Amino acid sequence: MMNEETAKIAAKIIAKAWADNAYKARLLADPAAVLMAEGVEVPAGITFRVVEDTAGTQTLVLPARPTELSDADLGGVAGGRPVPGPPPPPKGYTF
């Protein structure tokens, strides 16, 4: 899950990509390098993919399926409590 500091860095990266086409091109071509340059720790073996939404296309990210839900999580889902999932989109983003 994205912590507050990572969310701030992500918002900064998005704002820079909106303002600077060359930066956006680098972000789309080599996201890991841009993330590392912005201070994000990129673990070995992790691949980042950046997808640009357009006016006619929106992206829905399907998180990796959990290996196994705990009994508490299963009980919560059955009782209507949501299971922890992906972080919310950046502030100002609409879906």
PDB file of N, CA and C in Angstrom:
ATOM      1  N   MET A   1       0.845  -1.178   0.000  1.00  0.00           N
ATOM      2  CA  MET A   1       0.000   0.000   0.000  1.00  0.00           C
ATOM      3  C   MET A   1       0.890   1.241   0.000  1.00  0.00           C
ATOM      4  N   MET A   2       0.435   2.270  -0.631  1.00  0.00           N
ATOM      5  CA  MET A   2       1.198   3.505  -0.767  1.00  0.00           C
ATOM      6  C   MET A   2       1.112   4.305   0.532  1.00  0.00           C
ATOM      7  N   ASN A   3       2.299   4.666   1.079  1.00  0.00           N
ATOM      8  CA  ASN A   3       2.289   5.497   2.276  1.00  0.00           C
ATOM      9  C   ASN A   3       2.189   6.968   1.873  1.00  0.00           C
ATOM     10  N   GLU A   4       2.058   7.830   2.870  1.00  0.00           N
ATOM     11  CA  GLU A   4       1.832   9.257   2.593  1.00  0.00           C
ATOM     12  C   GLU A   4       2.992   9.885   1.818  1.00  0.00           C
ATOM     13  N   GLU A   5       4.222   9.535   2.194  1.00  0.00           N
ATOM     14  CA  GLU A   5       5.390  10.105   1.510  1.00  0.00           C
ATOM     15  C   GLU A   5       5.444   9.657   0.047  1.00  0.00           C
ATOM     16  N   THR A   6       5.178   8.373  -0.193  1.00  0.00           N
ATOM     17  CA  THR A   6       5.178   7.864  -1.564  1.00  0.00           C
ATOM     18  C   THR A   6       4.063   8.509  -2.377  1.00  0.00           C
ATOM     19  N   ALA A   7       2.905   8.736  -1.749  1.00  0.00           N
ATOM     20  CA  ALA A   7       1.796   9.400  -2.442  1.00  0.00           C
ATOM     21  C   ALA A   7       2.185  10.820  -2.843  1.00  0.00           C
ATOM     22  N   LYS A   8       2.927  11.521  -1.972  1.00  0.00           N
ATOM     23  CA  LYS A   8       3.379  12.880  -2.301  1.00  0.00           C
ATOM     24  C   LYS A   8       4.350  12.857  -3.478  1.00  0.00           C
ATOM     25  N   ILE A   9       5.262  11.881  -3.475  1.00  0.00           N
ATOM     26  CA  ILE A   9       6.220  11.766  -4.577  1.00  0.00           C
ATOM     27  C   ILE A   9       5.481  11.441  -5.874  1.00  0.00           C
ATOM     28  N   ALA A  10       4.497  10.532  -5.807  1.00  0.00           N
ATOM     29  CA  ALA A  10       3.722  10.177  -6.998  1.00  0.00           C
ATOM     30  C   ALA A  10       2.991  11.397  -7.545  1.00  0.00           C
ATOM     31  N   ALA A  11       2.403  12.200  -6.672  1.00  0.00           N
ATOM     32  CA  ALA A  11       1.702  13.409  -7.116  1.00  0.00           C
ATOM     33  C   ALA A  11       2.675  14.382  -7.780  1.00  0.00           C
ATOM     34  N   LYS A  12       3.879  14.500  -7.223  1.00  0.00           N
ATOM     35  CA  LYS A  12       4.908  15.372  -7.803  1.00  0.00           C
ATOM     36  C   LYS A  12       5.307  14.874  -9.195  1.00  0.00           C
ATOM     37  N   ILE A  13       5.492  13.566  -9.331  1.00  0.00           N
ATOM     38  CA  ILE A  13       5.868  12.986 -10.626  1.00  0.00           C
ATOM     39  C   ILE A  13       4.771  13.232 -11.657  1.00  0.00           C
ATOM     40  N   ILE A  14       3.526  13.027 -11.268  1.00  0.00           N
ATOM     41  CA  ILE A  14       2.402  13.243 -12.183  1.00  0.00           C
ATOM     42  C   ILE A  14       2.344  14.701 -12.613  1.00  0.00           C
ATOM     43  N   ALA A  15       2.485  15.624 -11.664  1.00  0.00           N
ATOM     44  CA  ALA A  15       2.449  17.053 -11.999  1.00  0.00           C
ATOM     45  C   ALA A  15       3.580  17.417 -12.958  1.00  0.00           C
ATOM     46  N   LYS A  16       4.780  16.884 -12.713  1.00  0.00           N
ATOM     47  CA  LYS A  16       5.908  17.169 -13.605  1.00  0.00           C
ATOM     48  C   LYS A  16       5.656  16.596 -14.999  1.00  0.00           C
ATOM     49  N   ALA A  17       5.069  15.407 -15.070  1.00  0.00           N
ATOM     50  CA  ALA A  17       4.783  14.789 -16.373  1.00  0.00           C
ATOM     51  C   ALA A  17       3.743  15.597 -17.145  1.00  0.00           C
ATOM     52  N   TRP A  18       2.769  16.164 -16.444  1.00  0.00           N
ATOM     53  CA  TRP A  18       1.762  17.003 -17.106  1.00  0.00           C
ATOM     54  C   TRP A  18       2.380  18.290 -17.641  1.00  0.00           C
ATOM     55  N   ALA A  19       3.396  18.803 -16.945  1.00  0.00           N
ATOM     56  CA  ALA A  19       3.989  20.091 -17.313  1.00  0.00           C
ATOM     57  C   ALA A  19       5.151  19.976 -18.296  1.00  0.00           C
ATOM     58  N   ASP A  20       5.770  18.802 -18.399  1.00  0.00           N
ATOM     59  CA  ASP A  20       7.006  18.650 -19.171  1.00  0.00           C
ATOM     60  C   ASP A  20       6.931  17.387 -20.029  1.00  0.00           C
ATOM     61  N   ASN A  21       6.748  17.576 -21.342  1.00  0.00           N
ATOM     62  CA  ASN A  21       6.599  16.430 -22.242  1.00  0.00           C
ATOM     63  C   ASN A  21       7.834  15.538 -22.287  1.00  0.00           C
ATOM     64  N   ALA A  22       9.034  16.116 -22.177  1.00  0.00           N
ATOM     65  CA  ALA A  22      10.259  15.306 -22.184  1.00  0.00           C
ATOM     66  C   ALA A  22      10.315  14.423 -20.929  1.00  0.00           C
ATOM     67  N   TYR A  23       9.935  14.994 -19.793  1.00  0.00           N
ATOM     68  CA  TYR A  23       9.892  14.232 -18.539  1.00  0.00           C
ATOM     69  C   TYR A  23       8.866  13.105 -18.663  1.00  0.00           C
ATOM     70  N   LYS A  24       7.697  13.424 -19.217  1.00  0.00           N
ATOM     71  CA  LYS A  24       6.653  12.417 -19.403  1.00  0.00           C
ATOM     72  C   LYS A  24       7.151  11.290 -20.297  1.00  0.00           C
ATOM     73  N   ALA A  25       7.867  11.624 -21.366  1.00  0.00           N
ATOM     74  CA  ALA A  25       8.401  10.603 -22.272  1.00  0.00           C
ATOM     75  C   ALA A  25       9.382   9.692 -21.530  1.00  0.00           C
ATOM     76  N   ARG A  26      10.235  10.277 -20.676  1.00  0.00           N
ATOM     77  CA  ARG A  26      11.171   9.462 -19.881  1.00  0.00           C
ATOM     78  C   ARG A  26      10.408   8.571 -18.905  1.00  0.00           C
ATOM     79  N   LEU A  27       9.373   9.125 -18.284  1.00  0.00           N
ATOM     80  CA  LEU A  27       8.568   8.358 -17.334  1.00  0.00           C
ATOM     81  C   LEU A  27       7.905   7.169 -18.019  1.00  0.00           C
ATOM     82  N   LEU A  28       7.358   7.391 -19.211  1.00  0.00           N
ATOM     83  CA  LEU A  28       6.712   6.304 -19.947  1.00  0.00           C
ATOM     84  C   LEU A  28       7.722   5.265 -20.434  1.00  0.00           C
ATOM     85  N   ALA A  29       8.925   5.720 -20.827  1.00  0.00           N
ATOM     86  CA  ALA A  29       9.933   4.817 -21.383  1.00  0.00           C
ATOM     87  C   ALA A  29      10.695   4.043 -20.308  1.00  0.00           C
ATOM     88  N   ASP A  30      10.995   4.676 -19.187  1.00  0.00           N
ATOM     89  CA  ASP A  30      11.803   4.043 -18.139  1.00  0.00           C
ATOM     90  C   ASP A  30      11.332   4.506 -16.764  1.00  0.00           C
ATOM     91  N   PRO A  31      10.161   4.016 -16.342  1.00  0.00           N
ATOM     92  CA  PRO A  31       9.593   4.488 -15.080  1.00  0.00           C
ATOM     93  C   PRO A  31      10.506   4.264 -13.880  1.00  0.00           C
ATOM     94  N   ALA A  32      11.195   3.140 -13.831  1.00  0.00           N
ATOM     95  CA  ALA A  32      12.044   2.854 -12.673  1.00  0.00           C
ATOM     96  C   ALA A  32      13.138   3.907 -12.524  1.00  0.00           C
ATOM     97  N   ALA A  33      13.750   4.308 -13.632  1.00  0.00           N
ATOM     98  CA  ALA A  33      14.812   5.319 -13.571  1.00  0.00           C
ATOM     99  C   ALA A  33      14.268   6.651 -13.066  1.00  0.00           C
ATOM    100  N   VAL A  34      13.098   7.041 -13.544  1.00  0.00           N
ATOM    101  CA  VAL A  34      12.490   8.302 -13.095  1.00  0.00           C
ATOM    102  C   VAL A  34      12.125   8.211 -11.615  1.00  0.00           C
ATOM    103  N   LEU A  35      11.540   7.098 -11.212  1.00  0.00           N
ATOM    104  CA  LEU A  35      11.173   6.927  -9.803  1.00  0.00           C
ATOM    105  C   LEU A  35      12.402   6.998  -8.901  1.00  0.00           C
ATOM    106  N   MET A  36      13.477   6.320  -9.292  1.00  0.00           N
ATOM    107  CA  MET A  36      14.699   6.361  -8.488  1.00  0.00           C
ATOM    108  C   MET A  36      15.267   7.776  -8.426  1.00  0.00           C
ATOM    109  N   ALA A  37      15.214   8.497  -9.548  1.00  0.00           N
ATOM    110  CA  ALA A  37      15.711   9.877  -9.568  1.00  0.00           C
ATOM    111  C   ALA A  37      14.899  10.777  -8.642  1.00  0.00           C
ATOM    112  N   GLU A  38      13.644  10.418  -8.413  1.00  0.00           N
ATOM    113  CA  GLU A  38      12.770  11.203  -7.531  1.00  0.00           C
ATOM    114  C   GLU A  38      12.825  10.719  -6.084  1.00  0.00           C
ATOM    115  N   GLY A  39      13.693   9.739  -5.804  1.00  0.00           N
ATOM    116  CA  GLY A  39      13.864   9.290  -4.426  1.00  0.00           C
ATOM    117  C   GLY A  39      13.054   8.082  -4.015  1.00  0.00           C
ATOM    118  N   VAL A  40      12.424   7.409  -4.980  1.00  0.00           N
ATOM    119  CA  VAL A  40      11.646   6.220  -4.669  1.00  0.00           C
ATOM    120  C   VAL A  40      12.580   5.018  -4.698  1.00  0.00           C
ATOM    121  N   GLU A  41      12.520   4.198  -3.654  1.00  0.00           N
ATOM    122  CA  GLU A  41      13.314   2.973  -3.628  1.00  0.00           C
ATOM    123  C   GLU A  41      12.627   1.942  -4.522  1.00  0.00           C
ATOM    124  N   VAL A  42      13.338   1.486  -5.542  1.00  0.00           N
ATOM    125  CA  VAL A  42      12.796   0.495  -6.472  1.00  0.00           C
ATOM    126  C   VAL A  42      13.453  -0.844  -6.146  1.00  0.00           C
ATOM    127  N   PRO A  43      12.700  -1.776  -5.555  1.00  0.00           N
ATOM    128  CA  PRO A  43      13.276  -3.067  -5.187  1.00  0.00           C
ATOM    129  C   PRO A  43      13.740  -3.853  -6.417  1.00  0.00           C
ATOM    130  N   ALA A  44      14.806  -4.620  -6.241  1.00  0.00           N
ATOM    131  CA  ALA A  44      15.302  -5.474  -7.323  1.00  0.00           C
ATOM    132  C   ALA A  44      14.201  -6.448  -7.736  1.00  0.00           C
ATOM    133  N   GLY A  45      14.081  -6.661  -9.025  1.00  0.00           N
ATOM    134  CA  GLY A  45      13.098  -7.612  -9.540  1.00  0.00           C
ATOM    135  C   GLY A  45      11.702  -7.046  -9.716  1.00  0.00           C
ATOM    136  N   ILE A  46      11.499  -5.781  -9.376  1.00  0.00           N
ATOM    137  CA  ILE A  46      10.183  -5.153  -9.531  1.00  0.00           C
ATOM    138  C   ILE A  46      10.179  -4.317 -10.803  1.00  0.00           C
ATOM    139  N   THR A  47       9.158  -4.509 -11.614  1.00  0.00           N
ATOM    140  CA  THR A  47       8.993  -3.751 -12.847  1.00  0.00           C
ATOM    141  C   THR A  47       7.834  -2.783 -12.665  1.00  0.00           C
ATOM    142  N   PHE A  48       8.051  -1.548 -13.045  1.00  0.00           N
ATOM    143  CA  PHE A  48       6.991  -0.545 -13.005  1.00  0.00           C
ATOM    144  C   PHE A  48       6.482  -0.315 -14.416  1.00  0.00           C
ATOM    145  N   ARG A  49       5.184  -0.129 -14.540  1.00  0.00           N
ATOM    146  CA  ARG A  49       4.570   0.191 -15.818  1.00  0.00           C
ATOM    147  C   ARG A  49       3.747   1.452 -15.619  1.00  0.00           C
ATOM    148  N   VAL A  50       3.954   2.433 -16.486  1.00  0.00           N
ATOM    149  CA  VAL A  50       3.179   3.669 -16.447  1.00  0.00           C
ATOM    150  C   VAL A  50       2.270   3.664 -17.664  1.00  0.00           C
ATOM    151  N   VAL A  51       0.995   3.886 -17.436  1.00  0.00           N
ATOM    152  CA  VAL A  51       0.002   3.912 -18.503  1.00  0.00           C
ATOM    153  C   VAL A  51      -0.662   5.275 -18.474  1.00  0.00           C
ATOM    154  N   GLU A  52      -0.712   5.930 -19.616  1.00  0.00           N
ATOM    155  CA  GLU A  52      -1.319   7.257 -19.693  1.00  0.00           C
ATOM    156  C   GLU A  52      -2.784   7.141 -20.094  1.00  0.00           C
ATOM    157  N   ASP A  53      -3.668   7.648 -19.251  1.00  0.00           N
ATOM    158  CA  ASP A  53      -5.080   7.721 -19.606  1.00  0.00           C
ATOM    159  C   ASP A  53      -5.287   8.859 -20.595  1.00  0.00           C
ATOM    160  N   THR A  54      -6.331   8.743 -21.396  1.00  0.00           N
ATOM    161  CA  THR A  54      -6.707   9.791 -22.335  1.00  0.00           C
ATOM    162  C   THR A  54      -8.167  10.146 -22.083  1.00  0.00           C
ATOM    163  N   ALA A  55      -8.667  11.109 -22.820  1.00  0.00           N
ATOM    164  CA  ALA A  55     -10.071  11.500 -22.660  1.00  0.00           C
ATOM    165  C   ALA A  55     -11.002  10.320 -22.935  1.00  0.00           C
ATOM    166  N   GLY A  56     -10.602   9.438 -23.860  1.00  0.00           N
ATOM    167  CA  GLY A  56     -11.463   8.320 -24.226  1.00  0.00           C
ATOM    168  C   GLY A  56     -11.064   6.988 -23.627  1.00  0.00           C
ATOM    169  N   THR A  57     -10.010   6.964 -22.834  1.00  0.00           N
ATOM    170  CA  THR A  57      -9.526   5.713 -22.253  1.00  0.00           C
ATOM    171  C   THR A  57      -9.193   5.924 -20.788  1.00  0.00           C
ATOM    172  N   GLN A  58      -9.711   5.077 -19.940  1.00  0.00           N
ATOM    173  CA  GLN A  58      -9.378   5.081 -18.520  1.00  0.00           C
ATOM    174  C   GLN A  58      -8.798   3.711 -18.180  1.00  0.00           C
ATOM    175  N   THR A  59      -7.906   3.658 -17.203  1.00  0.00           N
ATOM    176  CA  THR A  59      -7.238   2.424 -16.819  1.00  0.00           C
ATOM    177  C   THR A  59      -7.761   1.957 -15.472  1.00  0.00           C
ATOM    178  N   LEU A  60      -8.113   0.705 -15.412  1.00  0.00           N
ATOM    179  CA  LEU A  60      -8.496   0.073 -14.162  1.00  0.00           C
ATOM    180  C   LEU A  60      -7.401  -0.928 -13.837  1.00  0.00           C
ATOM    181  N   VAL A  61      -6.752  -0.765 -12.694  1.00  0.00           N
ATOM    182  CA  VAL A  61      -5.673  -1.665 -12.303  1.00  0.00           C
ATOM    183  C   VAL A  61      -6.267  -2.822 -11.521  1.00  0.00           C
ATOM    184  N   LEU A  62      -5.997  -4.023 -11.993  1.00  0.00           N
ATOM    185  CA  LEU A  62      -6.432  -5.229 -11.304  1.00  0.00           C
ATOM    186  C   LEU A  62      -5.270  -5.694 -10.439  1.00  0.00           C
ATOM    187  N   PRO A  63      -5.367  -5.541  -9.119  1.00  0.00           N
ATOM    188  CA  PRO A  63      -4.256  -5.940  -8.250  1.00  0.00           C
ATOM    189  C   PRO A  63      -4.002  -7.442  -8.342  1.00  0.00           C
ATOM    190  N   ALA A  64      -2.771  -7.834  -8.022  1.00  0.00           N
ATOM    191  CA  ALA A  64      -2.448  -9.256  -7.973  1.00  0.00           C
ATOM    192  C   ALA A  64      -3.344  -9.920  -6.933  1.00  0.00           C
ATOM    193  N   ARG A  65      -3.770 -11.114  -7.244  1.00  0.00           N
ATOM    194  CA  ARG A  65      -4.632 -11.848  -6.321  1.00  0.00           C
ATOM    195  C   ARG A  65      -3.831 -12.227  -5.080  1.00  0.00           C
ATOM    196  N   PRO A  66      -4.402 -11.999  -3.898  1.00  0.00           N
ATOM    197  CA  PRO A  66      -3.692 -12.396  -2.681  1.00  0.00           C
ATOM    198  C   PRO A  66      -3.503 -13.908  -2.671  1.00  0.00           C
ATOM    199  N   THR A  67      -2.405 -14.345  -2.088  1.00  0.00           N
ATOM    200  CA  THR A  67      -2.156 -15.780  -2.052  1.00  0.00           C
ATOM    201  C   THR A  67      -3.198 -16.490  -1.207  1.00  0.00           C
ATOM    202  N   GLU A  68      -3.565 -15.891  -0.103  1.00  0.00           N
ATOM    203  CA  GLU A  68      -4.579 -16.494   0.754  1.00  0.00           C
ATOM    204  C   GLU A  68      -5.121 -15.424   1.690  1.00  0.00           C
ATOM    205  N   LEU A  69      -6.429 -15.381   1.845  1.00  0.00           N
ATOM    206  CA  LEU A  69      -7.040 -14.447   2.788  1.00  0.00           C
ATOM    207  C   LEU A  69      -7.083 -15.093   4.165  1.00  0.00           C
ATOM    208  N   SER A  70      -6.855 -14.288   5.176  1.00  0.00           N
ATOM    209  CA  SER A  70      -6.950 -14.792   6.549  1.00  0.00           C
ATOM    210  C   SER A  70      -8.419 -15.026   6.893  1.00  0.00           C
ATOM    211  N   ASP A  71      -8.650 -15.783   7.959  1.00  0.00           N
ATOM    212  CA  ASP A  71     -10.023 -16.001   8.412  1.00  0.00           C
ATOM    213  C   ASP A  71     -10.704 -14.674   8.747  1.00  0.00           C
ATOM    214  N   ALA A  72      -9.940 -13.730   9.325  1.00  0.00           N
ATOM    215  CA  ALA A  72     -10.505 -12.416   9.665  1.00  0.00           C
ATOM    216  C   ALA A  72     -10.919 -11.669   8.401  1.00  0.00           C
ATOM    217  N   ASP A  73     -10.063 -11.715   7.358  1.00  0.00           N
ATOM    218  CA  ASP A  73     -10.412 -11.048   6.103  1.00  0.00           C
ATOM    219  C   ASP A  73     -11.618 -11.707   5.451  1.00  0.00           C
ATOM    220  N   LEU A  74     -11.646 -13.034   5.454  1.00  0.00           N
ATOM    221  CA  LEU A  74     -12.795 -13.738   4.873  1.00  0.00           C
ATOM    222  C   LEU A  74     -14.076 -13.383   5.615  1.00  0.00           C
ATOM    223  N   GLY A  75     -14.011 -13.336   6.943  1.00  0.00           N
ATOM    224  CA  GLY A  75     -15.173 -12.958   7.738  1.00  0.00           C
ATOM    225  C   GLY A  75     -15.605 -11.536   7.467  1.00  0.00           C
ATOM    226  N   GLY A  76     -14.636 -10.657   7.279  1.00  0.00           N
ATOM    227  CA  GLY A  76     -14.941  -9.259   6.983  1.00  0.00           C
ATOM    228  C   GLY A  76     -15.619  -9.095   5.647  1.00  0.00           C
ATOM    229  N   VAL A  77     -15.145  -9.814   4.636  1.00  0.00           N
ATOM    230  CA  VAL A  77     -15.758  -9.739   3.312  1.00  0.00           C
ATOM    231  C   VAL A  77     -17.182 -10.260   3.384  1.00  0.00           C
ATOM    232  N   ALA A  78     -17.371 -11.385   4.068  1.00  0.00           N
ATOM    233  CA  ALA A  78     -18.713 -11.953   4.203  1.00  0.00           C
ATOM    234  C   ALA A  78     -19.624 -10.999   4.967  1.00  0.00           C
ATOM    235  N   GLY A  79     -19.040 -10.220   5.882  1.00  0.00           N
ATOM    236  CA  GLY A  79     -19.823  -9.281   6.678  1.00  0.00           C
ATOM    237  C   GLY A  79     -19.936  -7.909   6.047  1.00  0.00           C
ATOM    238  N   GLY A  80     -19.359  -7.731   4.870  1.00  0.00           N
ATOM    239  CA  GLY A  80     -19.477  -6.462   4.170  1.00  0.00           C
ATOM    240  C   GLY A  80     -18.338  -5.495   4.391  1.00  0.00           C
ATOM    241  N   ARG A  81     -17.313  -5.883   5.153  1.00  0.00           N
ATOM    242  CA  ARG A  81     -16.157  -5.003   5.372  1.00  0.00           C
ATOM    243  C   ARG A  81     -15.177  -5.208   4.220  1.00  0.00           C
ATOM    244  N   PRO A  82     -14.697  -4.139   3.601  1.00  0.00           N
ATOM    245  CA  PRO A  82     -13.767  -4.304   2.482  1.00  0.00           C
ATOM    246  C   PRO A  82     -12.417  -4.836   2.942  1.00  0.00           C
ATOM    247  N   VAL A  83     -11.798  -5.622   2.087  1.00  0.00           N
ATOM    248  CA  VAL A  83     -10.448  -6.121   2.320  1.00  0.00           C
ATOM    249  C   VAL A  83      -9.483  -5.043   1.843  1.00  0.00           C
ATOM    250  N   PRO A  84      -8.366  -4.824   2.554  1.00  0.00           N
ATOM    251  CA  PRO A  84      -7.408  -3.807   2.099  1.00  0.00           C
ATOM    252  C   PRO A  84      -7.032  -4.030   0.642  1.00  0.00           C
ATOM    253  N   GLY A  85      -6.972  -2.963  -0.109  1.00  0.00           N
ATOM    254  CA  GLY A  85      -6.682  -3.068  -1.536  1.00  0.00           C
ATOM    255  C   GLY A  85      -5.665  -2.049  -1.968  1.00  0.00           C
ATOM    256  N   PRO A  86      -5.697  -1.685  -3.228  1.00  0.00           N
ATOM    257  CA  PRO A  86      -4.719  -0.731  -3.747  1.00  0.00           C
ATOM    258  C   PRO A  86      -4.963   0.662  -3.185  1.00  0.00           C
ATOM    259  N   PRO A  87      -3.942   1.509  -3.253  1.00  0.00           N
ATOM    260  CA  PRO A  87      -4.090   2.870  -2.740  1.00  0.00           C
ATOM    261  C   PRO A  87      -5.052   3.678  -3.595  1.00  0.00           C
ATOM    262  N   PRO A  88      -5.612   4.737  -3.030  1.00  0.00           N
ATOM    263  CA  PRO A  88      -6.494   5.595  -3.818  1.00  0.00           C
ATOM    264  C   PRO A  88      -5.685   6.354  -4.867  1.00  0.00           C
ATOM    265  N   PRO A  89      -6.334   6.812  -5.934  1.00  0.00           N
ATOM    266  CA  PRO A  89      -5.618   7.592  -6.949  1.00  0.00           C
ATOM    267  C   PRO A  89      -5.175   8.940  -6.389  1.00  0.00           C
ATOM    268  N   PRO A  90      -4.239   9.599  -7.066  1.00  0.00           N
ATOM    269  CA  PRO A  90      -3.771  10.908  -6.601  1.00  0.00           C
ATOM    270  C   PRO A  90      -4.914  11.909  -6.487  1.00  0.00           C
ATOM    271  N   LYS A  91      -4.750  12.884  -5.583  1.00  0.00           N
ATOM    272  CA  LYS A  91      -5.758  13.920  -5.374  1.00  0.00           C
ATOM    273  C   LYS A  91      -6.029  14.644  -6.692  1.00  0.00           C
ATOM    274  N   GLY A  92      -7.278  14.845  -6.995  1.00  0.00           N
ATOM    275  CA  GLY A  92      -7.657  15.534  -8.217  1.00  0.00           C
ATOM    276  C   GLY A  92      -7.914  14.592  -9.374  1.00  0.00           C
ATOM    277  N   TYR A  93      -7.586  13.323  -9.222  1.00  0.00           N
ATOM    278  CA  TYR A  93      -7.792  12.340 -10.286  1.00  0.00           C
ATOM    279  C   TYR A  93      -9.233  11.878 -10.236  1.00  0.00           C
ATOM    280  N   THR A  94      -9.858  11.779 -11.366  1.00  0.00           N
ATOM    281  CA  THR A  94     -11.228  11.278 -11.402  1.00  0.00           C
ATOM    282  C   THR A  94     -11.263  10.000 -12.207  1.00  0.00           C
ATOM    283  N   PHE A  95     -12.123   9.087 -11.802  1.00  0.00           N
ATOM    284  CA  PHE A  95     -12.252   7.795 -12.480  1.00  0.00           C
ATOM    285  C   PHE A  95     -13.666   7.605 -12.920  1.00  0.00           C
TER     286      PHE A  95
END
